[in-house]
C-alpha atoms as a PDB file:
ATOM      1  CA  UNK A   1     -64.479 -31.259 -17.366  1.00  0.00           C
ATOM      2  CA  UNK A   2     -61.166 -29.878 -18.597  1.00  0.00           C
ATOM      3  CA  UNK A   3     -59.490 -31.176 -21.741  1.00  0.00           C
ATOM      4  CA  UNK A   4     -56.588 -32.476 -19.632  1.00  0.00           C
ATOM      5  CA  UNK A   5     -58.940 -34.432 -17.383  1.00  0.00           C
ATOM      6  CA  UNK A   6     -60.734 -35.854 -20.430  1.00  0.00           C
ATOM      7  CA  UNK A   7     -57.374 -36.934 -21.876  1.00  0.00           C
ATOM      8  CA  UNK A   8     -56.260 -38.556 -18.607  1.00  0.00           C
ATOM      9  CA  UNK A   9     -59.539 -40.430 -18.230  1.00  0.00           C
ATOM     10  CA  UNK A  10     -59.271 -41.644 -21.827  1.00  0.00           C
ATOM     11  CA  UNK A  11     -55.796 -43.023 -21.030  1.00  0.00           C
ATOM     12  CA  UNK A  12     -56.935 -44.712 -17.801  1.00  0.00           C
ATOM     13  CA  UNK A  13     -57.648 -48.452 -17.583  1.00  0.00           C
ATOM     14  CA  UNK A  14     -61.074 -49.386 -18.963  1.00  0.00           C
ATOM     15  CA  UNK A  15     -61.676 -52.013 -16.303  1.00  0.00           C
ATOM     16  CA  UNK A  16     -60.577 -51.909 -12.697  1.00  0.00           C
ATOM     17  CA  UNK A  17     -59.934 -55.036 -10.649  1.00  0.00           C
ATOM     18  CA  UNK A  18     -61.475 -54.486  -7.205  1.00  0.00           C
ATOM     19  CA  UNK A  19     -61.285 -56.230  -3.883  1.00  0.00           C
ATOM     20  CA  UNK A  20     -63.853 -55.655  -1.141  1.00  0.00           C
ATOM     21  CA  UNK A  21     -63.410 -55.934   2.614  1.00  0.00           C
ATOM     22  CA  UNK A  22     -66.488 -55.627   4.800  1.00  0.00           C
ATOM     23  CA  UNK A  23     -65.321 -54.536   8.260  1.00  0.00           C
ATOM     24  CA  UNK A  24     -68.016 -55.684  10.671  1.00  0.00           C
ATOM     25  CA  UNK A  25     -67.676 -57.634  13.898  1.00  0.00           C
ATOM     26  CA  UNK A  26     -71.311 -58.811  13.795  1.00  0.00           C
ATOM     27  CA  UNK A  27     -71.120 -60.018  10.188  1.00  0.00           C
ATOM     28  CA  UNK A  28     -67.764 -61.669  10.857  1.00  0.00           C
ATOM     29  CA  UNK A  29     -69.338 -63.574  13.782  1.00  0.00           C
ATOM     30  CA  UNK A  30     -72.053 -64.857  11.422  1.00  0.00           C
ATOM     31  CA  UNK A  31     -69.471 -66.013   8.861  1.00  0.00           C
ATOM     32  CA  UNK A  32     -67.358 -67.633  11.571  1.00  0.00           C
ATOM     33  CA  UNK A  33     -70.412 -69.674  12.648  1.00  0.00           C
ATOM     34  CA  UNK A  34     -70.855 -70.833   9.050  1.00  0.00           C
ATOM     35  CA  UNK A  35     -73.889 -68.622   8.470  1.00  0.00           C
ATOM     36  CA  UNK A  36     -74.445 -66.336   5.501  1.00  0.00           C
ATOM     37  CA  UNK A  37     -73.942 -62.775   6.680  1.00  0.00           C
ATOM     38  CA  UNK A  38     -76.743 -60.355   5.881  1.00  0.00           C
ATOM     39  CA  UNK A  39     -74.742 -57.652   4.144  1.00  0.00           C
ATOM     40  CA  UNK A  40     -76.799 -55.119   2.189  1.00  0.00           C
ATOM     41  CA  UNK A  41     -73.852 -52.753   1.750  1.00  0.00           C
ATOM     42  CA  UNK A  42     -71.471 -55.455   0.532  1.00  0.00           C
ATOM     43  CA  UNK A  43     -74.141 -56.725  -1.854  1.00  0.00           C
ATOM     44  CA  UNK A  44     -74.648 -53.190  -3.156  1.00  0.00           C
ATOM     45  CA  UNK A  45     -70.919 -52.553  -3.645  1.00  0.00           C
ATOM     46  CA  UNK A  46     -70.469 -55.774  -5.578  1.00  0.00           C
ATOM     47  CA  UNK A  47     -73.605 -55.216  -7.656  1.00  0.00           C
ATOM     48  CA  UNK A  48     -72.757 -51.604  -8.573  1.00  0.00           C
ATOM     49  CA  UNK A  49     -69.192 -52.523  -9.524  1.00  0.00           C
ATOM     50  CA  UNK A  50     -70.308 -55.444 -11.700  1.00  0.00           C
ATOM     51  CA  UNK A  51     -73.114 -53.422 -13.343  1.00  0.00           C
ATOM     52  CA  UNK A  52     -70.496 -50.798 -14.244  1.00  0.00           C
ATOM     53  CA  UNK A  53     -68.444 -53.513 -15.983  1.00  0.00           C
ATOM     54  CA  UNK A  54     -65.738 -53.658 -13.321  1.00  0.00           C
ATOM     55  CA  UNK A  55     -64.127 -56.850 -12.012  1.00  0.00           C
ATOM     56  CA  UNK A  56     -64.562 -57.974  -8.411  1.00  0.00           C
ATOM     57  CA  UNK A  57     -61.710 -60.327  -7.552  1.00  0.00           C
ATOM     58  CA  UNK A  58     -62.795 -61.007  -3.983  1.00  0.00           C
ATOM     59  CA  UNK A  59     -65.110 -59.996  -1.166  1.00  0.00           C
ATOM     60  CA  UNK A  60     -64.161 -60.806   2.410  1.00  0.00           C
ATOM     61  CA  UNK A  61     -65.757 -60.124   5.757  1.00  0.00           C
ATOM     62  CA  UNK A  62     -63.379 -59.198   8.576  1.00  0.00           C
ATOM     63  CA  UNK A  63     -63.974 -58.156  12.149  1.00  0.00           C
ATOM     64  CA  UNK A  64     -63.482 -54.585  13.382  1.00  0.00           C
ATOM     65  CA  UNK A  65     -60.034 -55.670  14.469  1.00  0.00           C
ATOM     66  CA  UNK A  66     -56.735 -53.927  13.756  1.00  0.00           C
ATOM     67  CA  UNK A  67     -54.880 -57.181  13.165  1.00  0.00           C
ATOM     68  CA  UNK A  68     -57.445 -58.553  10.699  1.00  0.00           C
ATOM     69  CA  UNK A  69     -57.679 -55.266   8.792  1.00  0.00           C
ATOM     70  CA  UNK A  70     -53.879 -54.937   8.677  1.00  0.00           C
ATOM     71  CA  UNK A  71     -53.625 -58.493   7.334  1.00  0.00           C
ATOM     72  CA  UNK A  72     -56.106 -57.467   4.647  1.00  0.00           C
ATOM     73  CA  UNK A  73     -53.935 -54.494   3.707  1.00  0.00           C
ATOM     74  CA  UNK A  74     -50.835 -56.695   3.569  1.00  0.00           C
ATOM     75  CA  UNK A  75     -52.688 -59.031   1.198  1.00  0.00           C
ATOM     76  CA  UNK A  76     -53.694 -56.054  -0.959  1.00  0.00           C
ATOM     77  CA  UNK A  77     -50.115 -54.799  -1.220  1.00  0.00           C
ATOM     78  CA  UNK A  78     -48.832 -58.221  -2.306  1.00  0.00           C
ATOM     79  CA  UNK A  79     -51.441 -58.879  -5.014  1.00  0.00           C
ATOM     80  CA  UNK A  80     -50.205 -57.898  -8.461  1.00  0.00           C
ATOM     81  CA  UNK A  81     -53.641 -58.569  -9.979  1.00  0.00           C
ATOM     82  CA  UNK A  82     -55.446 -55.959  -7.854  1.00  0.00           C
ATOM     83  CA  UNK A  83     -56.068 -52.295  -8.782  1.00  0.00           C
ATOM     84  CA  UNK A  84     -58.373 -50.995  -6.058  1.00  0.00           C
ATOM     85  CA  UNK A  85     -59.843 -52.026  -2.728  1.00  0.00           C
ATOM     86  CA  UNK A  86     -62.872 -50.854  -0.840  1.00  0.00           C
ATOM     87  CA  UNK A  87     -62.878 -51.199   2.945  1.00  0.00           C
ATOM     88  CA  UNK A  88     -66.513 -50.758   3.951  1.00  0.00           C
ATOM     89  CA  UNK A  89     -67.347 -50.081   7.588  1.00  0.00           C
ATOM     90  CA  UNK A  90     -65.441 -49.181  10.716  1.00  0.00           C
ATOM     91  CA  UNK A  91     -65.105 -45.527   9.720  1.00  0.00           C
ATOM     92  CA  UNK A  92     -67.196 -44.022  12.528  1.00  0.00           C
ATOM     93  CA  UNK A  93     -66.137 -42.729  15.911  1.00  0.00           C
ATOM     94  CA  UNK A  94     -66.973 -45.647  18.195  1.00  0.00           C
ATOM     95  CA  UNK A  95     -63.992 -47.208  19.960  1.00  0.00           C
ATOM     96  CA  UNK A  96     -64.458 -50.315  17.783  1.00  0.00           C
ATOM     97  CA  UNK A  97     -64.198 -48.270  14.544  1.00  0.00           C
ATOM     98  CA  UNK A  98     -60.538 -48.861  13.651  1.00  0.00           C
ATOM     99  CA  UNK A  99     -60.498 -49.085   9.850  1.00  0.00           C
ATOM    100  CA  UNK A 100     -59.082 -45.600   9.255  1.00  0.00           C
ATOM    101  CA  UNK A 101     -56.388 -45.916  11.935  1.00  0.00           C
ATOM    102  CA  UNK A 102     -55.337 -49.311  10.611  1.00  0.00           C
ATOM    103  CA  UNK A 103     -55.321 -48.565   6.879  1.00  0.00           C
ATOM    104  CA  UNK A 104     -53.808 -45.055   6.943  1.00  0.00           C
ATOM    105  CA  UNK A 105     -50.242 -46.113   7.915  1.00  0.00           C
ATOM    106  CA  UNK A 106     -50.128 -48.304   4.782  1.00  0.00           C
ATOM    107  CA  UNK A 107     -50.903 -45.373   2.454  1.00  0.00           C
ATOM    108  CA  UNK A 108     -48.075 -43.822   0.444  1.00  0.00           C
ATOM    109  CA  UNK A 109     -50.283 -40.846  -0.404  1.00  0.00           C
ATOM    110  CA  UNK A 110     -53.663 -39.696   0.860  1.00  0.00           C
ATOM    111  CA  UNK A 111     -56.459 -38.190  -1.216  1.00  0.00           C
ATOM    112  CA  UNK A 112     -58.072 -35.698   1.208  1.00  0.00           C
ATOM    113  CA  UNK A 113     -60.488 -34.469  -1.450  1.00  0.00           C
ATOM    114  CA  UNK A 114     -62.193 -37.857  -1.507  1.00  0.00           C
ATOM    115  CA  UNK A 115     -63.484 -37.587   2.047  1.00  0.00           C
ATOM    116  CA  UNK A 116     -64.097 -33.859   1.735  1.00  0.00           C
ATOM    117  CA  UNK A 117     -66.265 -34.230  -1.369  1.00  0.00           C
ATOM    118  CA  UNK A 118     -68.132 -37.182   0.123  1.00  0.00           C
ATOM    119  CA  UNK A 119     -68.934 -35.182   3.250  1.00  0.00           C
ATOM    120  CA  UNK A 120     -70.142 -32.303   1.057  1.00  0.00           C
ATOM    121  CA  UNK A 121     -72.360 -34.606  -1.027  1.00  0.00           C
ATOM    122  CA  UNK A 122     -73.549 -36.352   2.115  1.00  0.00           C
ATOM    123  CA  UNK A 123     -74.426 -33.011   3.703  1.00  0.00           C
ATOM    124  CA  UNK A 124     -76.906 -32.434   0.874  1.00  0.00           C
ATOM    125  CA  UNK A 125     -78.639 -35.700   1.812  1.00  0.00           C
ATOM    126  CA  UNK A 126     -78.358 -35.954   5.602  1.00  0.00           C
ATOM    127  CA  UNK A 127     -77.404 -32.490   6.808  1.00  0.00           C
ATOM    128  CA  UNK A 128     -74.870 -31.763   9.517  1.00  0.00           C
ATOM    129  CA  UNK A 129     -74.528 -35.445  10.484  1.00  0.00           C
ATOM    130  CA  UNK A 130     -72.169 -35.635   7.497  1.00  0.00           C
ATOM    131  CA  UNK A 131     -69.378 -34.388   9.786  1.00  0.00           C
ATOM    132  CA  UNK A 132     -69.441 -37.770  11.540  1.00  0.00           C
ATOM    133  CA  UNK A 133     -67.885 -39.517   8.535  1.00  0.00           C
ATOM    134  CA  UNK A 134     -64.144 -40.177   8.578  1.00  0.00           C
ATOM    135  CA  UNK A 135     -64.127 -41.700   5.096  1.00  0.00           C
ATOM    136  CA  UNK A 136     -60.805 -41.479   3.313  1.00  0.00           C
ATOM    137  CA  UNK A 137     -58.881 -42.708   0.311  1.00  0.00           C
ATOM    138  CA  UNK A 138     -55.276 -43.027  -0.721  1.00  0.00           C
ATOM    139  CA  UNK A 139     -52.664 -44.856  -2.712  1.00  0.00           C
ATOM    140  CA  UNK A 140     -50.653 -47.848  -1.517  1.00  0.00           C
ATOM    141  CA  UNK A 141     -48.082 -49.447  -3.828  1.00  0.00           C
ATOM    142  CA  UNK A 142     -49.919 -48.232  -6.940  1.00  0.00           C
ATOM    143  CA  UNK A 143     -53.328 -49.397  -5.741  1.00  0.00           C
ATOM    144  CA  UNK A 144     -56.166 -47.098  -4.750  1.00  0.00           C
ATOM    145  CA  UNK A 145     -57.641 -47.745  -1.315  1.00  0.00           C
ATOM    146  CA  UNK A 146     -61.100 -46.477  -0.376  1.00  0.00           C
ATOM    147  CA  UNK A 147     -62.359 -46.532   3.228  1.00  0.00           C
ATOM    148  CA  UNK A 148     -66.081 -45.842   3.251  1.00  0.00           C
ATOM    149  CA  UNK A 149     -68.932 -45.962   5.765  1.00  0.00           C
ATOM    150  CA  UNK A 150     -71.027 -49.109   5.965  1.00  0.00           C
ATOM    151  CA  UNK A 151     -74.478 -47.609   5.478  1.00  0.00           C
ATOM    152  CA  UNK A 152     -76.215 -48.504   2.200  1.00  0.00           C
ATOM    153  CA  UNK A 153     -76.940 -44.821   1.480  1.00  0.00           C
ATOM    154  CA  UNK A 154     -73.259 -43.936   1.876  1.00  0.00           C
ATOM    155  CA  UNK A 155     -72.249 -46.882  -0.315  1.00  0.00           C
ATOM    156  CA  UNK A 156     -74.613 -45.787  -3.088  1.00  0.00           C
ATOM    157  CA  UNK A 157     -73.364 -42.192  -2.899  1.00  0.00           C
ATOM    158  CA  UNK A 158     -69.673 -43.145  -2.820  1.00  0.00           C
ATOM    159  CA  UNK A 159     -69.858 -45.623  -5.660  1.00  0.00           C
ATOM    160  CA  UNK A 160     -72.027 -43.541  -7.977  1.00  0.00           C
ATOM    161  CA  UNK A 161     -70.468 -40.121  -7.399  1.00  0.00           C
ATOM    162  CA  UNK A 162     -66.809 -40.836  -6.602  1.00  0.00           C
ATOM    163  CA  UNK A 163     -65.451 -44.364  -6.888  1.00  0.00           C
ATOM    164  CA  UNK A 164     -66.877 -45.411 -10.244  1.00  0.00           C
ATOM    165  CA  UNK A 165     -66.203 -42.069 -11.966  1.00  0.00           C
ATOM    166  CA  UNK A 166     -62.635 -41.703 -10.634  1.00  0.00           C
ATOM    167  CA  UNK A 167     -61.045 -45.048  -9.668  1.00  0.00           C
ATOM    168  CA  UNK A 168     -59.446 -45.708 -13.063  1.00  0.00           C
ATOM    169  CA  UNK A 169     -58.286 -42.085 -13.318  1.00  0.00           C
ATOM    170  CA  UNK A 170     -56.640 -42.330  -9.878  1.00  0.00           C
ATOM    171  CA  UNK A 171     -54.964 -45.628 -10.806  1.00  0.00           C
ATOM    172  CA  UNK A 172     -53.588 -44.097 -14.017  1.00  0.00           C
ATOM    173  CA  UNK A 173     -51.811 -41.371 -12.040  1.00  0.00           C
ATOM    174  CA  UNK A 174     -50.735 -43.660  -9.196  1.00  0.00           C
ATOM    175  CA  UNK A 175     -48.882 -45.891 -11.652  1.00  0.00           C
ATOM    176  CA  UNK A 176     -47.170 -43.228 -13.755  1.00  0.00           C
END
């Protein structure tokens, strides 16, 4: 790591305030019926963030629906207490996968390296199927937005290798 990067990371916030959106039509249907959604990926995200000493301000389940996801982004933009948000799910290629298309117009800047590095790391684990991921990240109104696949393996990889090591660093630069 360069001296400049070390300096920037030292100047970054020590704790990040996260929000989590789980984008899943099936889990949303469970919640809507008053049932507890079985959500291994959401549980893992929340657990990894908390174990790393980060703050989780909320976790919401939304349907794979452009309107619901856009409403989530509007909420994110308006919250002064929020630093970063993870949208988990809806990043594939099925017609119902609309997270990327919905979130991207809200981004002031994109971070192409985020998805590129994830796909490279994922390739080491799953091979050429890594090209199926459309994961992305960017900045919206000084907040970092991560859109990640919903599989538990992808969640573990993203959180451990990219989000936890870099979220505060990204926020530092986004707010300069």
